[in-house]
C-alpha atoms as a PDB file:
ATOM      1  CA  UNK A   1      81.470 180.888 137.055  1.00  0.00           C
ATOM      2  CA  UNK A   2      79.782 177.849 138.523  1.00  0.00           C
ATOM      3  CA  UNK A   3      82.079 175.654 140.621  1.00  0.00           C
ATOM      4  CA  UNK A   4      82.376 172.057 139.427  1.00  0.00           C
ATOM      5  CA  UNK A   5      81.304 169.333 141.802  1.00  0.00           C
ATOM      6  CA  UNK A   6      83.932 167.247 143.547  1.00  0.00           C
ATOM      7  CA  UNK A   7      84.830 164.160 141.469  1.00  0.00           C
ATOM      8  CA  UNK A   8      83.476 160.900 142.835  1.00  0.00           C
ATOM      9  CA  UNK A   9      86.154 158.759 144.498  1.00  0.00           C
ATOM     10  CA  UNK A  10      87.031 155.770 142.330  1.00  0.00           C
ATOM     11  CA  UNK A  11      87.987 152.656 144.296  1.00  0.00           C
ATOM     12  CA  UNK A  12      90.290 150.883 141.857  1.00  0.00           C
ATOM     13  CA  UNK A  13      90.795 147.793 144.051  1.00  0.00           C
ATOM     14  CA  UNK A  14      87.057 147.262 144.327  1.00  0.00           C
ATOM     15  CA  UNK A  15      86.681 147.810 140.584  1.00  0.00           C
ATOM     16  CA  UNK A  16      89.241 145.077 139.848  1.00  0.00           C
ATOM     17  CA  UNK A  17      87.285 142.735 142.122  1.00  0.00           C
ATOM     18  CA  UNK A  18      84.075 143.571 140.256  1.00  0.00           C
ATOM     19  CA  UNK A  19      85.791 143.030 136.904  1.00  0.00           C
ATOM     20  CA  UNK A  20      87.168 139.697 138.068  1.00  0.00           C
ATOM     21  CA  UNK A  21      83.650 138.537 138.891  1.00  0.00           C
ATOM     22  CA  UNK A  22      82.421 139.593 135.450  1.00  0.00           C
ATOM     23  CA  UNK A  23      85.236 137.750 133.659  1.00  0.00           C
ATOM     24  CA  UNK A  24      84.792 134.747 135.977  1.00  0.00           C
ATOM     25  CA  UNK A  25      81.097 134.586 135.150  1.00  0.00           C
ATOM     26  CA  UNK A  26      81.192 135.289 131.422  1.00  0.00           C
ATOM     27  CA  UNK A  27      84.756 134.741 130.185  1.00  0.00           C
ATOM     28  CA  UNK A  28      86.976 137.209 128.359  1.00  0.00           C
ATOM     29  CA  UNK A  29      85.324 137.269 124.940  1.00  0.00           C
ATOM     30  CA  UNK A  30      81.757 137.384 126.248  1.00  0.00           C
ATOM     31  CA  UNK A  31      82.435 140.235 128.684  1.00  0.00           C
ATOM     32  CA  UNK A  32      81.943 143.409 126.693  1.00  0.00           C
ATOM     33  CA  UNK A  33      83.571 146.759 127.319  1.00  0.00           C
ATOM     34  CA  UNK A  34      80.088 148.152 127.856  1.00  0.00           C
ATOM     35  CA  UNK A  35      79.488 145.609 130.652  1.00  0.00           C
ATOM     36  CA  UNK A  36      82.773 146.532 132.267  1.00  0.00           C
ATOM     37  CA  UNK A  37      82.148 150.270 132.120  1.00  0.00           C
ATOM     38  CA  UNK A  38      78.644 149.820 133.536  1.00  0.00           C
ATOM     39  CA  UNK A  39      79.665 147.347 136.224  1.00  0.00           C
ATOM     40  CA  UNK A  40      82.767 149.005 137.663  1.00  0.00           C
ATOM     41  CA  UNK A  41      82.434 151.552 140.423  1.00  0.00           C
ATOM     42  CA  UNK A  42      78.787 152.143 139.634  1.00  0.00           C
ATOM     43  CA  UNK A  43      79.620 153.102 136.061  1.00  0.00           C
ATOM     44  CA  UNK A  44      82.623 154.833 134.506  1.00  0.00           C
ATOM     45  CA  UNK A  45      83.290 156.516 131.167  1.00  0.00           C
ATOM     46  CA  UNK A  46      85.471 155.048 128.436  1.00  0.00           C
ATOM     47  CA  UNK A  47      88.279 157.610 129.048  1.00  0.00           C
ATOM     48  CA  UNK A  48      88.209 156.799 132.778  1.00  0.00           C
ATOM     49  CA  UNK A  49      88.328 153.079 132.030  1.00  0.00           C
ATOM     50  CA  UNK A  50      91.373 153.368 129.788  1.00  0.00           C
ATOM     51  CA  UNK A  51      93.086 155.750 132.206  1.00  0.00           C
ATOM     52  CA  UNK A  52      92.608 153.303 135.071  1.00  0.00           C
ATOM     53  CA  UNK A  53      93.338 149.985 133.325  1.00  0.00           C
ATOM     54  CA  UNK A  54      94.905 150.652 129.933  1.00  0.00           C
ATOM     55  CA  UNK A  55      92.825 148.113 128.025  1.00  0.00           C
ATOM     56  CA  UNK A  56      90.373 145.278 128.461  1.00  0.00           C
ATOM     57  CA  UNK A  57      93.216 142.777 128.031  1.00  0.00           C
ATOM     58  CA  UNK A  58      95.362 144.468 130.666  1.00  0.00           C
ATOM     59  CA  UNK A  59      92.426 144.470 133.092  1.00  0.00           C
ATOM     60  CA  UNK A  60      91.808 140.772 132.429  1.00  0.00           C
ATOM     61  CA  UNK A  61      95.478 140.005 133.121  1.00  0.00           C
ATOM     62  CA  UNK A  62      95.216 141.854 136.422  1.00  0.00           C
ATOM     63  CA  UNK A  63      92.049 139.970 137.312  1.00  0.00           C
ATOM     64  CA  UNK A  64      93.708 136.633 136.517  1.00  0.00           C
ATOM     65  CA  UNK A  65      96.646 137.468 138.776  1.00  0.00           C
ATOM     66  CA  UNK A  66      94.267 138.435 141.576  1.00  0.00           C
ATOM     67  CA  UNK A  67      92.336 135.192 141.176  1.00  0.00           C
ATOM     68  CA  UNK A  68      95.533 133.111 141.195  1.00  0.00           C
ATOM     69  CA  UNK A  69      96.743 134.876 144.336  1.00  0.00           C
ATOM     70  CA  UNK A  70      93.464 134.306 146.180  1.00  0.00           C
ATOM     71  CA  UNK A  71      90.854 131.761 145.161  1.00  0.00           C
ATOM     72  CA  UNK A  72      93.257 129.518 143.221  1.00  0.00           C
ATOM     73  CA  UNK A  73      95.378 128.992 146.330  1.00  0.00           C
ATOM     74  CA  UNK A  74      93.017 126.193 147.385  1.00  0.00           C
ATOM     75  CA  UNK A  75      95.119 123.692 145.385  1.00  0.00           C
ATOM     76  CA  UNK A  76      98.574 124.894 146.484  1.00  0.00           C
ATOM     77  CA  UNK A  77      98.530 122.200 149.193  1.00  0.00           C
ATOM     78  CA  UNK A  78      99.469 119.761 146.419  1.00  0.00           C
ATOM     79  CA  UNK A  79     103.027 121.099 146.734  1.00  0.00           C
ATOM     80  CA  UNK A  80     103.182 120.831 150.535  1.00  0.00           C
ATOM     81  CA  UNK A  81     105.500 117.901 151.225  1.00  0.00           C
ATOM     82  CA  UNK A  82     104.659 118.104 154.925  1.00  0.00           C
ATOM     83  CA  UNK A  83     101.294 116.594 153.992  1.00  0.00           C
ATOM     84  CA  UNK A  84     101.042 112.882 153.139  1.00  0.00           C
ATOM     85  CA  UNK A  85     100.403 112.614 149.360  1.00  0.00           C
ATOM     86  CA  UNK A  86      96.866 111.261 149.646  1.00  0.00           C
ATOM     87  CA  UNK A  87      95.905 113.925 152.165  1.00  0.00           C
ATOM     88  CA  UNK A  88      97.326 116.653 149.925  1.00  0.00           C
ATOM     89  CA  UNK A  89      95.190 115.472 147.010  1.00  0.00           C
ATOM     90  CA  UNK A  90      92.101 115.115 149.204  1.00  0.00           C
ATOM     91  CA  UNK A  91      92.594 118.574 150.719  1.00  0.00           C
ATOM     92  CA  UNK A  92      92.957 120.166 147.288  1.00  0.00           C
ATOM     93  CA  UNK A  93      89.792 118.487 146.019  1.00  0.00           C
ATOM     94  CA  UNK A  94      87.678 119.351 149.065  1.00  0.00           C
ATOM     95  CA  UNK A  95      88.910 122.935 149.346  1.00  0.00           C
ATOM     96  CA  UNK A  96      88.341 123.556 145.647  1.00  0.00           C
ATOM     97  CA  UNK A  97      84.851 122.066 145.654  1.00  0.00           C
ATOM     98  CA  UNK A  98      83.915 124.157 148.698  1.00  0.00           C
ATOM     99  CA  UNK A  99      85.257 127.361 147.128  1.00  0.00           C
ATOM    100  CA  UNK A 100      83.486 126.732 143.831  1.00  0.00           C
ATOM    101  CA  UNK A 101      80.121 126.350 145.562  1.00  0.00           C
ATOM    102  CA  UNK A 102      80.439 129.325 147.904  1.00  0.00           C
ATOM    103  CA  UNK A 103      78.187 132.357 147.707  1.00  0.00           C
ATOM    104  CA  UNK A 104      79.627 135.804 147.149  1.00  0.00           C
ATOM    105  CA  UNK A 105      81.252 135.111 143.805  1.00  0.00           C
ATOM    106  CA  UNK A 106      80.411 133.257 140.573  1.00  0.00           C
ATOM    107  CA  UNK A 107      80.105 129.497 140.860  1.00  0.00           C
ATOM    108  CA  UNK A 108      82.835 127.267 139.459  1.00  0.00           C
ATOM    109  CA  UNK A 109      86.538 127.899 139.007  1.00  0.00           C
ATOM    110  CA  UNK A 110      87.856 130.732 136.834  1.00  0.00           C
ATOM    111  CA  UNK A 111      90.937 128.625 136.034  1.00  0.00           C
ATOM    112  CA  UNK A 112      88.928 125.629 134.829  1.00  0.00           C
ATOM    113  CA  UNK A 113      86.398 127.787 132.989  1.00  0.00           C
ATOM    114  CA  UNK A 114      89.278 129.729 131.454  1.00  0.00           C
ATOM    115  CA  UNK A 115      89.552 127.169 128.671  1.00  0.00           C
ATOM    116  CA  UNK A 116      86.338 128.752 127.374  1.00  0.00           C
ATOM    117  CA  UNK A 117      87.305 132.283 128.392  1.00  0.00           C
ATOM    118  CA  UNK A 118      88.880 133.310 125.078  1.00  0.00           C
ATOM    119  CA  UNK A 119      87.784 130.859 122.375  1.00  0.00           C
ATOM    120  CA  UNK A 120      88.594 133.164 119.459  1.00  0.00           C
ATOM    121  CA  UNK A 121      92.115 132.573 118.075  1.00  0.00           C
ATOM    122  CA  UNK A 122      93.015 136.262 118.150  1.00  0.00           C
ATOM    123  CA  UNK A 123      92.350 136.391 121.909  1.00  0.00           C
ATOM    124  CA  UNK A 124      93.774 133.003 122.884  1.00  0.00           C
ATOM    125  CA  UNK A 125      96.859 134.542 124.499  1.00  0.00           C
ATOM    126  CA  UNK A 126      94.877 136.269 127.229  1.00  0.00           C
ATOM    127  CA  UNK A 127      94.042 132.899 128.783  1.00  0.00           C
ATOM    128  CA  UNK A 128      97.703 131.835 129.068  1.00  0.00           C
ATOM    129  CA  UNK A 129      97.827 132.550 132.808  1.00  0.00           C
ATOM    130  CA  UNK A 130      94.804 130.322 133.419  1.00  0.00           C
ATOM    131  CA  UNK A 131      96.239 127.587 131.212  1.00  0.00           C
ATOM    132  CA  UNK A 132      99.519 127.653 133.147  1.00  0.00           C
ATOM    133  CA  UNK A 133      97.599 127.405 136.416  1.00  0.00           C
ATOM    134  CA  UNK A 134      95.745 124.297 135.203  1.00  0.00           C
ATOM    135  CA  UNK A 135      99.056 122.751 134.168  1.00  0.00           C
ATOM    136  CA  UNK A 136     100.515 123.538 137.602  1.00  0.00           C
ATOM    137  CA  UNK A 137      97.619 121.880 139.401  1.00  0.00           C
ATOM    138  CA  UNK A 138      97.908 118.812 137.164  1.00  0.00           C
ATOM    139  CA  UNK A 139     101.640 118.650 137.806  1.00  0.00           C
ATOM    140  CA  UNK A 140     100.965 118.931 141.548  1.00  0.00           C
ATOM    141  CA  UNK A 141      98.684 115.895 141.488  1.00  0.00           C
ATOM    142  CA  UNK A 142     101.279 113.955 139.470  1.00  0.00           C
ATOM    143  CA  UNK A 143     103.926 114.940 142.030  1.00  0.00           C
ATOM    144  CA  UNK A 144     101.736 113.612 144.863  1.00  0.00           C
ATOM    145  CA  UNK A 145     101.258 110.280 143.107  1.00  0.00           C
ATOM    146  CA  UNK A 146     104.977 109.997 142.357  1.00  0.00           C
ATOM    147  CA  UNK A 147     105.823 110.793 145.982  1.00  0.00           C
ATOM    148  CA  UNK A 148     103.366 108.157 147.194  1.00  0.00           C
ATOM    149  CA  UNK A 149     105.043 105.580 144.962  1.00  0.00           C
ATOM    150  CA  UNK A 150     108.495 106.531 146.283  1.00  0.00           C
ATOM    151  CA  UNK A 151     107.233 106.186 149.850  1.00  0.00           C
ATOM    152  CA  UNK A 152     105.696 102.787 149.165  1.00  0.00           C
ATOM    153  CA  UNK A 153     102.180 104.111 149.715  1.00  0.00           C
ATOM    154  CA  UNK A 154     101.211 103.234 146.133  1.00  0.00           C
ATOM    155  CA  UNK A 155     102.570 100.309 144.104  1.00  0.00           C
ATOM    156  CA  UNK A 156     105.153 100.993 141.376  1.00  0.00           C
ATOM    157  CA  UNK A 157     102.690  99.651 138.795  1.00  0.00           C
ATOM    158  CA  UNK A 158     100.625 102.842 139.163  1.00  0.00           C
ATOM    159  CA  UNK A 159     101.074 105.245 136.245  1.00  0.00           C
ATOM    160  CA  UNK A 160     101.313 108.724 137.850  1.00  0.00           C
ATOM    161  CA  UNK A 161      99.980 110.586 134.807  1.00  0.00           C
ATOM    162  CA  UNK A 162      97.004 108.237 134.468  1.00  0.00           C
ATOM    163  CA  UNK A 163      96.067 108.341 138.152  1.00  0.00           C
ATOM    164  CA  UNK A 164      96.506 112.112 138.242  1.00  0.00           C
ATOM    165  CA  UNK A 165      94.137 112.412 135.271  1.00  0.00           C
ATOM    166  CA  UNK A 166      91.423 110.683 137.313  1.00  0.00           C
ATOM    167  CA  UNK A 167      91.555 113.378 139.996  1.00  0.00           C
ATOM    168  CA  UNK A 168      92.259 116.265 137.618  1.00  0.00           C
ATOM    169  CA  UNK A 169      89.310 115.438 135.363  1.00  0.00           C
ATOM    170  CA  UNK A 170      87.017 115.404 138.399  1.00  0.00           C
ATOM    171  CA  UNK A 171      88.433 118.734 139.567  1.00  0.00           C
ATOM    172  CA  UNK A 172      87.821 120.353 136.179  1.00  0.00           C
ATOM    173  CA  UNK A 173      84.297 118.923 136.039  1.00  0.00           C
ATOM    174  CA  UNK A 174      83.363 120.417 139.405  1.00  0.00           C
ATOM    175  CA  UNK A 175      83.077 123.823 137.698  1.00  0.00           C
ATOM    176  CA  UNK A 176      80.247 122.627 135.471  1.00  0.00           C
ATOM    177  CA  UNK A 177      78.484 120.879 138.333  1.00  0.00           C
ATOM    178  CA  UNK A 178      78.781 123.981 140.520  1.00  0.00           C
ATOM    179  CA  UNK A 179      77.320 126.102 137.696  1.00  0.00           C
ATOM    180  CA  UNK A 180      74.444 123.615 137.550  1.00  0.00           C
ATOM    181  CA  UNK A 181      73.882 124.179 141.298  1.00  0.00           C
ATOM    182  CA  UNK A 182      74.814 120.654 142.349  1.00  0.00           C
ATOM    183  CA  UNK A 183      74.985 120.922 146.169  1.00  0.00           C
ATOM    184  CA  UNK A 184      78.392 121.068 147.815  1.00  0.00           C
ATOM    185  CA  UNK A 185      77.426 118.118 150.035  1.00  0.00           C
ATOM    186  CA  UNK A 186      76.962 115.966 146.919  1.00  0.00           C
ATOM    187  CA  UNK A 187      80.345 116.970 145.519  1.00  0.00           C
ATOM    188  CA  UNK A 188      82.035 116.392 148.873  1.00  0.00           C
ATOM    189  CA  UNK A 189      80.536 112.897 149.069  1.00  0.00           C
ATOM    190  CA  UNK A 190      81.657 112.251 145.481  1.00  0.00           C
ATOM    191  CA  UNK A 191      85.226 113.089 146.501  1.00  0.00           C
ATOM    192  CA  UNK A 192      85.054 110.339 149.137  1.00  0.00           C
ATOM    193  CA  UNK A 193      83.981 107.905 146.441  1.00  0.00           C
ATOM    194  CA  UNK A 194      86.711 109.116 144.098  1.00  0.00           C
ATOM    195  CA  UNK A 195      89.419 108.623 146.709  1.00  0.00           C
ATOM    196  CA  UNK A 196      88.544 104.944 146.824  1.00  0.00           C
ATOM    197  CA  UNK A 197      90.536 104.663 143.578  1.00  0.00           C
ATOM    198  CA  UNK A 198      93.625 105.739 145.540  1.00  0.00           C
ATOM    199  CA  UNK A 199      92.808 103.438 148.470  1.00  0.00           C
ATOM    200  CA  UNK A 200      92.287 100.407 146.244  1.00  0.00           C
ATOM    201  CA  UNK A 201      95.624 101.033 144.572  1.00  0.00           C
ATOM    202  CA  UNK A 202      97.249 101.588 147.978  1.00  0.00           C
ATOM    203  CA  UNK A 203      95.982  98.212 149.180  1.00  0.00           C
ATOM    204  CA  UNK A 204      98.166  96.606 146.510  1.00  0.00           C
ATOM    205  CA  UNK A 205     101.349  98.318 147.711  1.00  0.00           C
ATOM    206  CA  UNK A 206     103.923  96.000 149.267  1.00  0.00           C
ATOM    207  CA  UNK A 207     103.951  96.122 153.100  1.00  0.00           C
ATOM    208  CA  UNK A 208     107.735  95.744 152.863  1.00  0.00           C
ATOM    209  CA  UNK A 209     107.984  98.888 150.735  1.00  0.00           C
ATOM    210  CA  UNK A 210     105.896 100.797 153.286  1.00  0.00           C
ATOM    211  CA  UNK A 211     108.156  99.641 156.113  1.00  0.00           C
ATOM    212  CA  UNK A 212     111.260 100.710 154.191  1.00  0.00           C
ATOM    213  CA  UNK A 213     109.910 104.249 153.751  1.00  0.00           C
ATOM    214  CA  UNK A 214     111.856 106.851 155.788  1.00  0.00           C
ATOM    215  CA  UNK A 215     110.613 107.353 159.337  1.00  0.00           C
ATOM    216  CA  UNK A 216     108.090 110.179 159.460  1.00  0.00           C
ATOM    217  CA  UNK A 217     106.888 109.615 155.909  1.00  0.00           C
ATOM    218  CA  UNK A 218     104.920 106.420 156.452  1.00  0.00           C
ATOM    219  CA  UNK A 219     101.226 106.969 156.038  1.00  0.00           C
ATOM    220  CA  UNK A 220      98.669 106.022 158.634  1.00  0.00           C
ATOM    221  CA  UNK A 221      96.679 103.057 157.223  1.00  0.00           C
ATOM    222  CA  UNK A 222      93.457 104.175 155.581  1.00  0.00           C
ATOM    223  CA  UNK A 223      90.118 102.437 155.894  1.00  0.00           C
ATOM    224  CA  UNK A 224      91.020 100.527 152.746  1.00  0.00           C
ATOM    225  CA  UNK A 225      94.106  99.133 154.506  1.00  0.00           C
ATOM    226  CA  UNK A 226      92.391  98.074 157.717  1.00  0.00           C
ATOM    227  CA  UNK A 227      90.006  95.365 158.666  1.00  0.00           C
ATOM    228  CA  UNK A 228      86.943  95.600 160.888  1.00  0.00           C
ATOM    229  CA  UNK A 229      89.124  95.448 163.979  1.00  0.00           C
ATOM    230  CA  UNK A 230      91.055  98.523 162.821  1.00  0.00           C
ATOM    231  CA  UNK A 231      94.382  96.684 162.522  1.00  0.00           C
ATOM    232  CA  UNK A 232      96.429  96.833 159.378  1.00  0.00           C
ATOM    233  CA  UNK A 233      96.009  93.985 156.948  1.00  0.00           C
ATOM    234  CA  UNK A 234      98.996  91.808 156.339  1.00  0.00           C
END
């Protein structure tokens, strides 16, 4: 009796990474089971696929969790209260734009593109993890604006939800621009322009309120708060 060949080693971790890239590029609905079987580990059979992952939906859930634990961490700085609020927002924007334009993975953000990942009503639930991540990022920007107001770095007339929407809408739009191959340098320069909205609002904050902020939380004056000599405006 002929001896069967040794089964090929299946690297499950690498397969999940490959699947994540497929879902990131095409979305849940548009990524077919045939694409997954052909693209994972150099090609696997349907029985092997179901044995390894259970279902397409279960694999997508695993890919979402991997994305959130890795690439999506670029915006977690929004929750770092050791960073001044403006710097936290700026860091999140610049890190996200850089990640979305990098080589080695699909362009754009899987979280932002997730709104289109499962457009059919019967599959809407699979995108819940991505939806929750978008809500968390939005809440993080709101928290930064609210903290800046408490610290006297922004005037109390600023509406946190409205200002956060300015930065959040830009962040979501970066995915489309990255897919259209807009250079990272252009997006990075656009972030500098966008932050002028914060700086203009900050210039209206009361100097008294800034002085009353707890020691260690006062922000260093930005270029919008200083004159040509580099001293703070009164």
